[in-house]
Amino acid sequence: MKTVLITGANRGIGLALTRRFAARGDKVIAVCRHSSPELDAIGARVETGVDVADAAALAELAGRLGHTRIDVLVCNAGILSRETFGDIDGDGFDAMRRQFEINTLGPLRTVQGLSGLLGEGSRIGIITSRMGSVADNGSGGYYGYRASKAAVNAVGKSLAIDLKPRGIDVFLLHPGFVSTDMVNNAGEISPDESAAQLIERLDTLAAADSGSFWHANGTPLPW
């Protein structure tokens, strides 16, 4: 049995990950700003009031967890807004900054804030996006989301290097085009299908793969 901590666990992919990890017998710490009836029904340990844009909230979370060792840390919390070139006003730039706060700095704050609970053999999965691939961008748009996900890929690579001496692995994971509220349920696979694939990657990727970028289905992705 592993201890798994998941951010953004109250809905979508985070909820599906919580449900699957708990179903196989792992101890799950579900972290979110606000819980949901679906999350409460799973029976996982739920830690609310945690915004990954708030370093103080993460410090309080670390204090509540005490000496709990985290075997798997999944940085899943994320947001998306849609910006179109030529039509980005002041509110649009504010939305882009917010995406960087959550999508890029959020995982870094989370890992740094909970670093003392990670040890040799711990694994970190950062839920990024194929839309953060510069090489794969063939359609443009989504300026804040693409840029924030490309930036978190760079953050994850640096974390993999900095945490390697401690025996901690870091993986950048694209969940697929998942039917969630974020994309108005227009995805190609369900959150449960995505969660199953993500867990398989976290279980099977080798230490030598730390710092690399993967599709949940097991396909390596270009930067």
Protein backbone atom coordinates (compact mmCIF):
# COMPACT_ATOMS: atom_id res chain seq x y z
CA MET A 1 0.00 0.00 0.00
CA LYS A 2 1.31 3.42 -1.02
CA THR A 3 0.46 6.87 0.26
CA VAL A 4 -0.67 9.02 -2.66
CA LEU A 5 -1.34 12.76 -2.53
CA ILE A 6 -3.35 14.32 -5.35
CA THR A 7 -4.04 18.03 -5.86
CA GLY A 8 -7.21 19.19 -7.58
CA ALA A 9 -8.87 15.99 -6.37
CA ASN A 10 -12.49 17.11 -6.14
CA ARG A 11 -13.49 16.62 -9.77
CA GLY A 12 -12.43 15.45 -13.23
CA ILE A 13 -9.12 13.65 -13.57
CA GLY A 14 -8.17 14.27 -9.94
CA LEU A 15 -11.39 12.68 -8.71
CA ALA A 16 -10.91 9.68 -11.03
CA LEU A 17 -7.32 9.25 -9.83
CA THR A 18 -8.47 9.39 -6.22
CA ARG A 19 -11.13 6.77 -6.86
CA ARG A 20 -8.77 4.40 -8.68
CA PHE A 21 -5.88 4.67 -6.22
CA ALA A 22 -8.27 4.14 -3.29
CA ALA A 23 -9.96 1.17 -5.00
CA ARG A 24 -6.68 -0.70 -5.28
CA GLY A 25 -5.93 -0.19 -1.60
CA ASP A 26 -3.62 2.80 -1.56
CA LYS A 27 -3.94 5.47 1.13
CA VAL A 28 -5.05 8.61 -0.68
CA ILE A 29 -4.79 12.19 0.52
CA ALA A 30 -7.16 14.20 -1.68
CA VAL A 31 -6.22 17.88 -1.72
CA CYS A 32 -8.49 20.62 -3.03
CA ARG A 33 -9.90 24.05 -2.32
CA HIS A 34 -13.41 22.66 -1.77
CA SER A 35 -14.57 19.07 -1.58
CA SER A 36 -17.45 17.56 -3.53
CA PRO A 37 -20.07 14.91 -2.70
CA GLU A 38 -18.38 12.56 -5.17
CA LEU A 39 -15.03 12.98 -3.44
CA ASP A 40 -16.49 12.58 0.04
CA ALA A 41 -18.14 9.31 -1.04
CA ILE A 42 -14.77 7.69 -1.85
CA GLY A 43 -13.61 7.63 1.76
CA ALA A 44 -10.17 9.08 1.12
CA ARG A 45 -8.56 11.57 3.49
CA VAL A 46 -9.72 14.95 2.19
CA GLU A 47 -7.71 18.10 2.87
CA THR A 48 -9.62 21.22 1.85
CA GLY A 49 -8.71 24.90 1.79
CA VAL A 50 -5.58 24.32 -0.27
CA ASP A 51 -5.02 26.60 -3.26
CA VAL A 52 -1.79 25.71 -5.07
CA ALA A 53 -1.32 29.42 -5.77
CA ASP A 54 -0.98 29.99 -2.00
CA ALA A 55 2.36 28.98 -0.49
CA ALA A 56 1.02 29.54 3.03
CA ALA A 57 -1.84 27.11 2.42
CA LEU A 58 0.66 24.48 1.24
CA ALA A 59 2.80 25.09 4.33
CA GLU A 60 -0.27 24.57 6.52
CA LEU A 61 -1.02 21.36 4.63
CA ALA A 62 2.50 20.09 5.26
CA GLY A 63 2.02 20.86 8.95
CA ARG A 64 -1.25 18.91 9.08
CA LEU A 65 0.39 15.94 7.40
CA GLY A 66 3.14 15.82 10.03
CA HIS A 67 5.63 13.07 9.28
CA THR A 68 3.47 11.32 6.65
CA ARG A 69 5.68 9.96 3.88
CA ILE A 70 4.32 10.57 0.39
CA ASP A 71 5.14 7.78 -2.04
CA VAL A 72 3.33 9.27 -5.04
CA LEU A 73 2.61 12.99 -5.48
CA VAL A 74 0.31 13.92 -8.35
CA CYS A 75 0.23 17.63 -9.20
CA ASN A 76 -3.07 17.72 -11.02
CA ALA A 77 -4.69 21.08 -10.19
CA GLY A 78 -4.98 23.21 -13.30
CA ILE A 79 -7.08 25.78 -15.15
CA LEU A 80 -7.65 26.71 -18.78
CA SER A 81 -8.79 29.86 -20.54
CA ARG A 82 -8.97 30.59 -24.24
CA GLU A 83 -7.15 33.59 -25.71
CA THR A 84 -7.29 34.53 -29.39
CA PHE A 85 -4.57 36.67 -30.95
CA GLY A 86 -5.75 40.21 -31.63
CA ASP A 87 -8.47 39.98 -29.01
CA ILE A 88 -6.47 39.70 -25.77
CA ASP A 89 -7.47 42.60 -23.53
CA GLY A 90 -6.50 43.40 -19.94
CA ASP A 91 -8.74 40.66 -18.56
CA GLY A 92 -7.18 38.23 -21.03
CA PHE A 93 -3.67 38.99 -19.81
CA ASP A 94 -4.87 38.62 -16.21
CA ALA A 95 -6.27 35.20 -17.13
CA MET A 96 -2.91 34.26 -18.64
CA ARG A 97 -1.12 35.27 -15.43
CA ARG A 98 -3.57 33.19 -13.40
CA GLN A 99 -2.84 30.15 -15.58
CA PHE A 100 0.87 30.56 -14.87
CA GLU A 101 0.14 30.83 -11.14
CA ILE A 102 -1.84 27.58 -11.13
CA ASN A 103 -0.44 25.51 -13.99
CA THR A 104 3.26 26.41 -13.73
CA LEU A 105 4.05 27.75 -10.30
CA GLY A 106 1.43 25.60 -8.58
CA PRO A 107 3.29 22.30 -9.09
CA LEU A 108 6.58 23.94 -8.11
CA ARG A 109 5.05 25.35 -4.91
CA THR A 110 3.47 21.98 -4.15
CA VAL A 111 6.66 19.96 -4.61
CA GLN A 112 8.76 22.47 -2.69
CA GLY A 113 6.20 22.78 0.10
CA LEU A 114 5.87 19.03 0.55
CA SER A 115 9.50 18.19 -0.19
CA GLY A 116 10.17 17.14 3.38
CA LEU A 117 7.58 14.37 3.07
CA LEU A 118 9.19 12.87 -0.03
CA GLY A 119 12.00 10.34 0.16
CA GLU A 120 13.99 7.84 -1.83
CA GLY A 121 11.67 5.99 -4.17
CA SER A 122 8.97 8.68 -4.17
CA ARG A 123 7.48 9.54 -7.55
CA ILE A 124 6.04 12.82 -8.76
CA GLY A 125 3.59 13.05 -11.64
CA ILE A 126 2.97 16.52 -13.02
CA ILE A 127 -0.20 16.56 -15.10
CA THR A 128 0.79 18.76 -18.01
CA SER A 129 -0.60 18.81 -21.55
CA ARG A 130 0.39 17.99 -25.09
CA MET A 131 -0.65 21.59 -25.76
CA GLY A 132 2.55 22.57 -23.97
CA SER A 133 4.63 20.90 -26.68
CA VAL A 134 6.25 23.53 -28.90
CA ALA A 135 7.03 20.97 -31.59
CA ASP A 136 3.46 19.65 -31.63
CA ASN A 137 1.71 23.03 -31.86
CA GLY A 138 -0.01 23.04 -35.24
CA SER A 139 -3.09 25.11 -34.46
CA GLY A 140 -1.99 28.13 -32.41
CA GLY A 141 -4.18 29.99 -29.93
CA TYR A 142 -4.64 29.18 -26.25
CA TYR A 143 -1.72 31.45 -25.40
CA GLY A 144 -1.86 31.24 -21.62
CA TYR A 145 -2.56 27.51 -21.43
CA ARG A 146 0.07 26.49 -23.98
CA ALA A 147 2.72 28.75 -22.46
CA SER A 148 1.96 27.73 -18.87
CA LYS A 149 2.15 24.05 -19.76
CA ALA A 150 5.38 24.49 -21.74
CA ALA A 151 6.77 26.29 -18.69
CA VAL A 152 5.72 23.56 -16.27
CA ASN A 153 7.48 21.04 -18.51
CA ALA A 154 10.68 23.03 -17.95
CA VAL A 155 9.94 23.15 -14.21
CA GLY A 156 9.45 19.39 -14.13
CA LYS A 157 12.72 18.75 -15.97
CA SER A 158 14.61 20.90 -13.46
CA LEU A 159 12.88 19.18 -10.55
CA ALA A 160 13.94 15.80 -11.94
CA ILE A 161 17.57 16.94 -11.95
CA ASP A 162 17.46 18.59 -8.53
CA LEU A 163 15.66 15.66 -6.86
CA LYS A 164 17.70 12.89 -8.50
CA PRO A 165 20.29 12.82 -5.66
CA ARG A 166 17.42 12.03 -3.27
CA GLY A 167 16.17 9.17 -5.43
CA ILE A 168 12.94 10.96 -6.34
CA ASP A 169 11.60 10.63 -9.90
CA VAL A 170 9.56 13.24 -11.77
CA PHE A 171 7.40 12.60 -14.83
CA LEU A 172 5.55 15.04 -17.10
CA LEU A 173 2.27 13.37 -18.04
CA HIS A 174 -0.31 14.34 -20.67
CA PRO A 175 -3.66 12.79 -19.67
CA GLY A 176 -5.13 12.70 -23.17
CA PHE A 177 -8.11 14.71 -24.41
CA VAL A 178 -10.34 13.98 -21.45
CA SER A 179 -14.06 14.69 -21.14
CA THR A 180 -14.12 17.10 -18.19
CA ASP A 181 -15.76 20.40 -17.33
CA MET A 182 -12.53 22.15 -18.43
CA VAL A 183 -13.26 21.27 -22.07
CA ASN A 184 -17.06 21.30 -21.76
CA ASN A 185 -17.02 17.49 -21.80
CA ALA A 186 -15.83 17.48 -25.41
CA GLY A 187 -12.99 15.03 -24.84
CA GLU A 188 -12.20 11.68 -26.45
CA ILE A 189 -11.76 9.56 -23.31
CA SER A 190 -13.35 9.49 -19.88
CA PRO A 191 -11.59 10.67 -16.70
CA ASP A 192 -11.57 7.06 -15.49
CA GLU A 193 -9.83 5.81 -18.65
CA SER A 194 -7.27 8.59 -18.37
CA ALA A 195 -6.69 7.89 -14.68
CA ALA A 196 -6.05 4.20 -15.38
CA GLN A 197 -3.41 5.09 -17.97
CA LEU A 198 -1.78 7.74 -15.78
CA ILE A 199 -1.49 5.31 -12.89
CA GLU A 200 0.08 2.74 -15.20
CA ARG A 201 2.70 5.28 -16.25
CA LEU A 202 3.45 6.18 -12.62
CA ASP A 203 3.76 2.47 -11.80
CA THR A 204 5.91 1.42 -14.73
CA LEU A 205 8.10 4.29 -15.93
CA ALA A 206 11.74 3.67 -15.00
CA ALA A 207 13.96 5.95 -12.95
CA ALA A 208 15.92 6.53 -16.17
CA ASP A 209 12.77 8.16 -17.58
CA SER A 210 12.67 10.83 -14.87
CA GLY A 211 12.34 14.28 -16.38
CA SER A 212 10.68 13.07 -19.58
CA PHE A 213 7.33 13.92 -21.21
CA TRP A 214 4.77 11.16 -21.81
CA HIS A 215 1.27 10.67 -23.15
CA ALA A 216 -0.81 8.69 -20.67
CA ASN A 217 -1.09 5.92 -23.28
CA GLY A 218 2.65 5.29 -23.06
CA THR A 219 3.83 7.31 -26.06
CA PRO A 220 6.78 9.68 -25.49
CA LEU A 221 5.99 13.26 -26.50
CA PRO A 222 8.23 15.93 -28.08
CA TRP A 223 9.14 19.08 -26.21
